[in-house]
All heavy atoms as atom14 arrays in JSON, in Angstrom:
{
  "sequence": "LEKILRVQAIALEQKLPFVHLVESAGANLTKY",
  "atom14_mask": [
    [1, 1, 1, 1, 1, 1, 1, 1, 0, 0, 0, 0, 0, 0],
    [1, 1, 1, 1, 1, 1, 1, 1, 1, 0, 0, 0, 0, 0],
    [1, 1, 1, 1, 1, 1, 1, 1, 1, 0, 0, 0, 0, 0],
    [1, 1, 1, 1, 1, 1, 1, 1, 0, 0, 0, 0, 0, 0],
    [1, 1, 1, 1, 1, 1, 1, 1, 0, 0, 0, 0, 0, 0],
    [1, 1, 1, 1, 1, 1, 1, 1, 1, 1, 1, 0, 0, 0],
    [1, 1, 1, 1, 1, 1, 1, 0, 0, 0, 0, 0, 0, 0],
    [1, 1, 1, 1, 1, 1, 1, 1, 1, 0, 0, 0, 0, 0],
    [1, 1, 1, 1, 1, 0, 0, 0, 0, 0, 0, 0, 0, 0],
    [1, 1, 1, 1, 1, 1, 1, 1, 0, 0, 0, 0, 0, 0],
    [1, 1, 1, 1, 1, 0, 0, 0, 0, 0, 0, 0, 0, 0],
    [1, 1, 1, 1, 1, 1, 1, 1, 0, 0, 0, 0, 0, 0],
    [1, 1, 1, 1, 1, 1, 1, 1, 1, 0, 0, 0, 0, 0],
    [1, 1, 1, 1, 1, 1, 1, 1, 1, 0, 0, 0, 0, 0],
    [1, 1, 1, 1, 1, 1, 1, 1, 1, 0, 0, 0, 0, 0],
    [1, 1, 1, 1, 1, 1, 1, 1, 0, 0, 0, 0, 0, 0],
    [1, 1, 1, 1, 1, 1, 1, 0, 0, 0, 0, 0, 0, 0],
    [1, 1, 1, 1, 1, 1, 1, 1, 1, 1, 1, 0, 0, 0],
    [1, 1, 1, 1, 1, 1, 1, 0, 0, 0, 0, 0, 0, 0],
    [1, 1, 1, 1, 1, 1, 1, 1, 1, 1, 0, 0, 0, 0],
    [1, 1, 1, 1, 1, 1, 1, 1, 0, 0, 0, 0, 0, 0],
    [1, 1, 1, 1, 1, 1, 1, 0, 0, 0, 0, 0, 0, 0],
    [1, 1, 1, 1, 1, 1, 1, 1, 1, 0, 0, 0, 0, 0],
    [1, 1, 1, 1, 1, 1, 0, 0, 0, 0, 0, 0, 0, 0],
    [1, 1, 1, 1, 1, 0, 0, 0, 0, 0, 0, 0, 0, 0],
    [1, 1, 1, 1, 0, 0, 0, 0, 0, 0, 0, 0, 0, 0],
    [1, 1, 1, 1, 1, 0, 0, 0, 0, 0, 0, 0, 0, 0],
    [1, 1, 1, 1, 1, 1, 1, 1, 0, 0, 0, 0, 0, 0],
    [1, 1, 1, 1, 1, 1, 1, 1, 0, 0, 0, 0, 0, 0],
    [1, 1, 1, 1, 1, 1, 1, 0, 0, 0, 0, 0, 0, 0],
    [1, 1, 1, 1, 1, 1, 1, 1, 1, 0, 0, 0, 0, 0],
    [1, 1, 1, 1, 1, 1, 1, 1, 1, 1, 1, 1, 0, 0]
  ],
  "atom14_positions": [
    [[-2.77, 1.89, 25.09], [-1.93, 2.48, 24.03], [-0.46, 2.39, 24.42], [0.38, 1.99, 23.6], [-2.33, 3.94, 23.81], [-1.43, 4.76, 22.88], [-1.39, 4.15, 21.49], [-1.88, 6.21, 22.83], [0.0, 0.0, 0.0], [0.0, 0.0, 0.0], [0.0, 0.0, 0.0], [0.0, 0.0, 0.0], [0.0, 0.0, 0.0], [0.0, 0.0, 0.0]],
    [[-0.15, 2.73, 25.67], [1.25, 2.64, 26.12], [1.74, 1.19, 26.05], [2.91, 0.93, 25.72], [1.37, 3.17, 27.54], [1.16, 4.67, 27.65], [1.42, 5.18, 29.05], [2.29, 4.62, 29.73], [0.74, 6.14, 29.46], [0.0, 0.0, 0.0], [0.0, 0.0, 0.0], [0.0, 0.0, 0.0], [0.0, 0.0, 0.0], [0.0, 0.0, 0.0]],
    [[0.85, 0.26, 26.37], [1.22, -1.16, 26.32], [1.56, -1.57, 24.9], [2.57, -2.26, 24.66], [0.06, -1.99, 26.87], [0.26, -3.5, 26.84], [-0.92, -4.18, 27.52], [-0.83, -5.69, 27.49], [-1.92, -6.33, 28.28], [0.0, 0.0, 0.0], [0.0, 0.0, 0.0], [0.0, 0.0, 0.0], [0.0, 0.0, 0.0], [0.0, 0.0, 0.0]],
    [[0.74, -1.16, 23.93], [1.02, -1.51, 22.54], [2.34, -0.88, 22.09], [3.16, -1.53, 21.42], [-0.13, -1.08, 21.61], [-1.41, -1.82, 21.97], [0.23, -1.36, 20.15], [-2.63, -1.37, 21.18], [0.0, 0.0, 0.0], [0.0, 0.0, 0.0], [0.0, 0.0, 0.0], [0.0, 0.0, 0.0], [0.0, 0.0, 0.0], [0.0, 0.0, 0.0]],
    [[2.55, 0.38, 22.44], [3.8, 1.04, 22.06], [5.0, 0.31, 22.65], [6.04, 0.17, 22.0], [3.78, 2.5, 22.53], [2.76, 3.42, 21.85], [2.75, 4.79, 22.53], [3.06, 3.57, 20.37], [0.0, 0.0, 0.0], [0.0, 0.0, 0.0], [0.0, 0.0, 0.0], [0.0, 0.0, 0.0], [0.0, 0.0, 0.0], [0.0, 0.0, 0.0]],
    [[4.85, -0.17, 23.89], [5.96, -0.89, 24.53], [6.24, -2.21, 23.82], [7.4, -2.52, 23.54], [5.62, -1.14, 26.01], [6.6, -2.07, 26.73], [8.02, -1.58, 26.69], [8.95, -2.56, 27.29], [10.24, -2.63, 27.02], [10.79, -1.79, 26.15], [11.0, -3.53, 27.6], [0.0, 0.0, 0.0], [0.0, 0.0, 0.0], [0.0, 0.0, 0.0]],
    [[5.22, -2.99, 23.53], [5.48, -4.29, 22.9], [5.95, -4.11, 21.45], [6.7, -4.94, 20.93], [4.25, -5.23, 22.98], [3.9, -5.49, 24.44], [3.07, -4.72, 22.22], [0.0, 0.0, 0.0], [0.0, 0.0, 0.0], [0.0, 0.0, 0.0], [0.0, 0.0, 0.0], [0.0, 0.0, 0.0], [0.0, 0.0, 0.0], [0.0, 0.0, 0.0]],
    [[5.54, -3.03, 20.8], [6.09, -2.74, 19.48], [7.58, -2.46, 19.57], [8.36, -2.9, 18.72], [5.36, -1.55, 18.85], [3.96, -1.85, 18.35], [3.3, -0.61, 17.77], [3.52, 0.51, 18.24], [2.47, -0.81, 16.77], [0.0, 0.0, 0.0], [0.0, 0.0, 0.0], [0.0, 0.0, 0.0], [0.0, 0.0, 0.0], [0.0, 0.0, 0.0]],
    [[7.97, -1.72, 20.61], [9.4, -1.42, 20.8], [10.19, -2.7, 21.05], [11.3, -2.87, 20.55], [9.58, -0.44, 21.96], [0.0, 0.0, 0.0], [0.0, 0.0, 0.0], [0.0, 0.0, 0.0], [0.0, 0.0, 0.0], [0.0, 0.0, 0.0], [0.0, 0.0, 0.0], [0.0, 0.0, 0.0], [0.0, 0.0, 0.0], [0.0, 0.0, 0.0]],
    [[9.62, -3.62, 21.84], [10.28, -4.9, 22.09], [10.42, -5.67, 20.78], [11.48, -6.23, 20.48], [9.49, -5.73, 23.12], [9.56, -5.07, 24.5], [10.03, -7.16, 23.2], [8.69, -5.74, 25.55], [0.0, 0.0, 0.0], [0.0, 0.0, 0.0], [0.0, 0.0, 0.0], [0.0, 0.0, 0.0], [0.0, 0.0, 0.0], [0.0, 0.0, 0.0]],
    [[9.35, -5.72, 19.98], [9.38, -6.44, 18.71], [10.47, -5.88, 17.8], [11.2, -6.63, 17.13], [8.03, -6.38, 18.03], [0.0, 0.0, 0.0], [0.0, 0.0, 0.0], [0.0, 0.0, 0.0], [0.0, 0.0, 0.0], [0.0, 0.0, 0.0], [0.0, 0.0, 0.0], [0.0, 0.0, 0.0], [0.0, 0.0, 0.0], [0.0, 0.0, 0.0]],
    [[10.6, -4.56, 17.77], [11.6, -3.93, 16.91], [13.01, -4.26, 17.39], [13.89, -4.62, 16.59], [11.38, -2.41, 16.9], [12.22, -1.59, 15.91], [11.92, -2.0, 14.47], [11.95, -0.11, 16.1], [0.0, 0.0, 0.0], [0.0, 0.0, 0.0], [0.0, 0.0, 0.0], [0.0, 0.0, 0.0], [0.0, 0.0, 0.0], [0.0, 0.0, 0.0]],
    [[13.24, -4.18, 18.7], [14.58, -4.43, 19.23], [14.96, -5.91, 19.16], [16.11, -6.25, 18.9], [14.66, -3.95, 20.69], [16.06, -4.02, 21.27], [16.17, -3.35, 22.61], [15.23, -3.47, 23.43], [17.2, -2.69, 22.87], [0.0, 0.0, 0.0], [0.0, 0.0, 0.0], [0.0, 0.0, 0.0], [0.0, 0.0, 0.0], [0.0, 0.0, 0.0]],
    [[13.96, -6.79, 19.37], [14.24, -8.23, 19.39], [13.99, -8.9, 18.04], [14.05, -10.13, 17.93], [13.39, -8.91, 20.47], [13.57, -8.35, 21.87], [15.03, -8.34, 22.29], [15.79, -9.25, 21.99], [15.42, -7.28, 22.99], [0.0, 0.0, 0.0], [0.0, 0.0, 0.0], [0.0, 0.0, 0.0], [0.0, 0.0, 0.0], [0.0, 0.0, 0.0]],
    [[13.71, -8.1, 17.01], [13.56, -8.6, 15.63], [12.48, -9.69, 15.54], [12.71, -10.77, 15.0], [14.9, -9.12, 15.1], [16.02, -8.08, 15.11], [17.33, -8.66, 14.63], [18.48, -7.67, 14.76], [19.78, -8.27, 14.35], [0.0, 0.0, 0.0], [0.0, 0.0, 0.0], [0.0, 0.0, 0.0], [0.0, 0.0, 0.0], [0.0, 0.0, 0.0]],
    [[11.3, -9.35, 16.05], [10.19, -10.3, 16.08], [9.12, -9.9, 15.07], [8.75, -8.73, 14.98], [9.55, -10.34, 17.47], [10.44, -10.75, 18.64], [9.72, -10.51, 19.96], [10.84, -12.2, 18.51], [0.0, 0.0, 0.0], [0.0, 0.0, 0.0], [0.0, 0.0, 0.0], [0.0, 0.0, 0.0], [0.0, 0.0, 0.0], [0.0, 0.0, 0.0]],
    [[8.57, -10.85, 14.32], [7.38, -10.55, 13.53], [6.27, -10.06, 14.45], [6.16, -10.52, 15.6], [7.01, -11.9, 12.89], [8.28, -12.69, 12.92], [9.01, -12.25, 14.15], [0.0, 0.0, 0.0], [0.0, 0.0, 0.0], [0.0, 0.0, 0.0], [0.0, 0.0, 0.0], [0.0, 0.0, 0.0], [0.0, 0.0, 0.0], [0.0, 0.0, 0.0]],
    [[5.45, -9.16, 13.96], [4.39, -8.56, 14.76], [3.05, -9.04, 14.22], [2.66, -8.7, 13.1], [4.47, -7.03, 14.68], [3.61, -6.29, 15.66], [4.03, -6.09, 16.96], [2.37, -5.8, 15.29], [3.24, -5.41, 17.88], [1.57, -5.12, 16.19], [2.01, -4.91, 17.49], [0.0, 0.0, 0.0], [0.0, 0.0, 0.0], [0.0, 0.0, 0.0]],
    [[2.36, -9.86, 15.02], [1.08, -10.44, 14.59], [-0.02, -9.8, 15.43], [-0.04, -9.94, 16.66], [1.08, -11.97, 14.75], [-0.24, -12.54, 14.26], [2.25, -12.58, 13.98], [0.0, 0.0, 0.0], [0.0, 0.0, 0.0], [0.0, 0.0, 0.0], [0.0, 0.0, 0.0], [0.0, 0.0, 0.0], [0.0, 0.0, 0.0], [0.0, 0.0, 0.0]],
    [[-0.95, -9.12, 14.75], [-1.95, -8.29, 15.42], [-3.34, -8.84, 15.12], [-3.73, -8.94, 13.94], [-1.82, -6.85, 14.91], [-2.38, -5.83, 15.84], [-2.27, -4.47, 15.61], [-3.07, -5.94, 17.0], [-2.85, -3.81, 16.59], [-3.36, -4.68, 17.44], [0.0, 0.0, 0.0], [0.0, 0.0, 0.0], [0.0, 0.0, 0.0], [0.0, 0.0, 0.0]],
    [[-4.08, -9.18, 16.17], [-5.46, -9.64, 16.03], [-6.36, -8.47, 16.4], [-6.5, -8.12, 17.57], [-5.73, -10.85, 16.94], [-4.71, -12.0, 16.85], [-5.14, -13.15, 17.75], [-4.54, -12.47, 15.41], [0.0, 0.0, 0.0], [0.0, 0.0, 0.0], [0.0, 0.0, 0.0], [0.0, 0.0, 0.0], [0.0, 0.0, 0.0], [0.0, 0.0, 0.0]],
    [[-6.95, -7.84, 15.38], [-7.61, -6.55, 15.57], [-9.13, -6.68, 15.58], [-9.73, -7.3, 14.69], [-7.2, -5.56, 14.45], [-7.95, -4.25, 14.58], [-5.69, -5.32, 14.48], [0.0, 0.0, 0.0], [0.0, 0.0, 0.0], [0.0, 0.0, 0.0], [0.0, 0.0, 0.0], [0.0, 0.0, 0.0], [0.0, 0.0, 0.0], [0.0, 0.0, 0.0]],
    [[-9.73, -6.13, 16.59], [-11.17, -5.89, 16.64], [-11.39, -4.8, 17.67], [-11.5, -5.05, 18.86], [-11.96, -7.14, 17.03], [-13.47, -6.9, 16.99], [-14.27, -8.15, 17.25], [-13.81, -9.01, 18.0], [-15.38, -8.25, 16.69], [0.0, 0.0, 0.0], [0.0, 0.0, 0.0], [0.0, 0.0, 0.0], [0.0, 0.0, 0.0], [0.0, 0.0, 0.0]],
    [[-11.41, -3.57, 17.2], [-11.4, -2.44, 18.13], [-12.41, -1.39, 17.72], [-12.53, -1.04, 16.54], [-10.0, -1.81, 18.17], [-10.01, -0.64, 18.94], [0.0, 0.0, 0.0], [0.0, 0.0, 0.0], [0.0, 0.0, 0.0], [0.0, 0.0, 0.0], [0.0, 0.0, 0.0], [0.0, 0.0, 0.0], [0.0, 0.0, 0.0], [0.0, 0.0, 0.0]],
    [[-13.1, -0.87, 18.72], [-14.02, 0.24, 18.49], [-13.28, 1.57, 18.38], [-13.91, 2.62, 18.3], [-15.05, 0.29, 19.62], [0.0, 0.0, 0.0], [0.0, 0.0, 0.0], [0.0, 0.0, 0.0], [0.0, 0.0, 0.0], [0.0, 0.0, 0.0], [0.0, 0.0, 0.0], [0.0, 0.0, 0.0], [0.0, 0.0, 0.0], [0.0, 0.0, 0.0]],
    [[-11.95, 1.51, 18.39], [-11.16, 2.74, 18.32], [-11.12, 3.43, 19.66], [-11.24, 2.8, 20.71], [0.0, 0.0, 0.0], [0.0, 0.0, 0.0], [0.0, 0.0, 0.0], [0.0, 0.0, 0.0], [0.0, 0.0, 0.0], [0.0, 0.0, 0.0], [0.0, 0.0, 0.0], [0.0, 0.0, 0.0], [0.0, 0.0, 0.0], [0.0, 0.0, 0.0]],
    [[-10.97, 4.73, 19.64], [-10.94, 5.49, 20.89], [-12.35, 5.66, 21.43], [-13.31, 5.81, 20.67], [-10.31, 6.86, 20.64], [0.0, 0.0, 0.0], [0.0, 0.0, 0.0], [0.0, 0.0, 0.0], [0.0, 0.0, 0.0], [0.0, 0.0, 0.0], [0.0, 0.0, 0.0], [0.0, 0.0, 0.0], [0.0, 0.0, 0.0], [0.0, 0.0, 0.0]],
    [[-12.45, 5.62, 22.76], [-13.73, 5.87, 23.42], [-13.94, 7.38, 23.46], [-13.32, 8.08, 24.25], [-13.72, 5.27, 24.82], [-15.08, 5.36, 25.5], [-15.9, 6.21, 25.16], [-15.33, 4.47, 26.44], [0.0, 0.0, 0.0], [0.0, 0.0, 0.0], [0.0, 0.0, 0.0], [0.0, 0.0, 0.0], [0.0, 0.0, 0.0], [0.0, 0.0, 0.0]],
    [[-14.85, 7.89, 22.6], [-15.02, 9.33, 22.47], [-15.59, 9.96, 23.73], [-15.42, 11.16, 23.97], [-15.91, 9.64, 21.26], [-15.34, 9.23, 19.9], [-16.3, 9.63, 18.79], [-13.97, 9.84, 19.66], [0.0, 0.0, 0.0], [0.0, 0.0, 0.0], [0.0, 0.0, 0.0], [0.0, 0.0, 0.0], [0.0, 0.0, 0.0], [0.0, 0.0, 0.0]],
    [[-16.28, 9.17, 24.56], [-16.81, 9.72, 25.81], [-15.7, 9.96, 26.82], [-15.9, 10.67, 27.8], [-17.86, 8.77, 26.42], [-17.23, 7.54, 26.79], [-18.99, 8.5, 25.44], [0.0, 0.0, 0.0], [0.0, 0.0, 0.0], [0.0, 0.0, 0.0], [0.0, 0.0, 0.0], [0.0, 0.0, 0.0], [0.0, 0.0, 0.0], [0.0, 0.0, 0.0]],
    [[-14.53, 9.37, 26.59], [-13.37, 9.57, 27.46], [-12.21, 10.19, 26.69], [-11.05, 9.96, 26.98], [-12.93, 8.23, 28.08], [-14.02, 7.55, 28.92], [-13.54, 6.21, 29.46], [-14.63, 5.52, 30.27], [-14.19, 4.19, 30.77], [0.0, 0.0, 0.0], [0.0, 0.0, 0.0], [0.0, 0.0, 0.0], [0.0, 0.0, 0.0], [0.0, 0.0, 0.0]],
    [[-12.55, 11.0, 25.69], [-11.55, 11.57, 24.8], [-10.52, 12.4, 25.55], [-10.84, 13.21, 26.41], [-12.24, 12.46, 23.76], [-11.28, 13.29, 22.91], [-10.54, 12.7, 21.9], [-11.13, 14.65, 23.15], [-9.66, 13.46, 21.14], [-10.25, 15.41, 22.39], [-9.52, 14.81, 21.38], [-8.65, 15.55, 20.63], [0.0, 0.0, 0.0], [0.0, 0.0, 0.0]]
  ]
}
């Protein structure tokens, strides 16, 4: 999550299109 937040911040500051390839089980509820 911190990694995604960081690269989003870079994209915003460097004016980059954000291309996201998504396939996620979401949060791991056993490690909530």
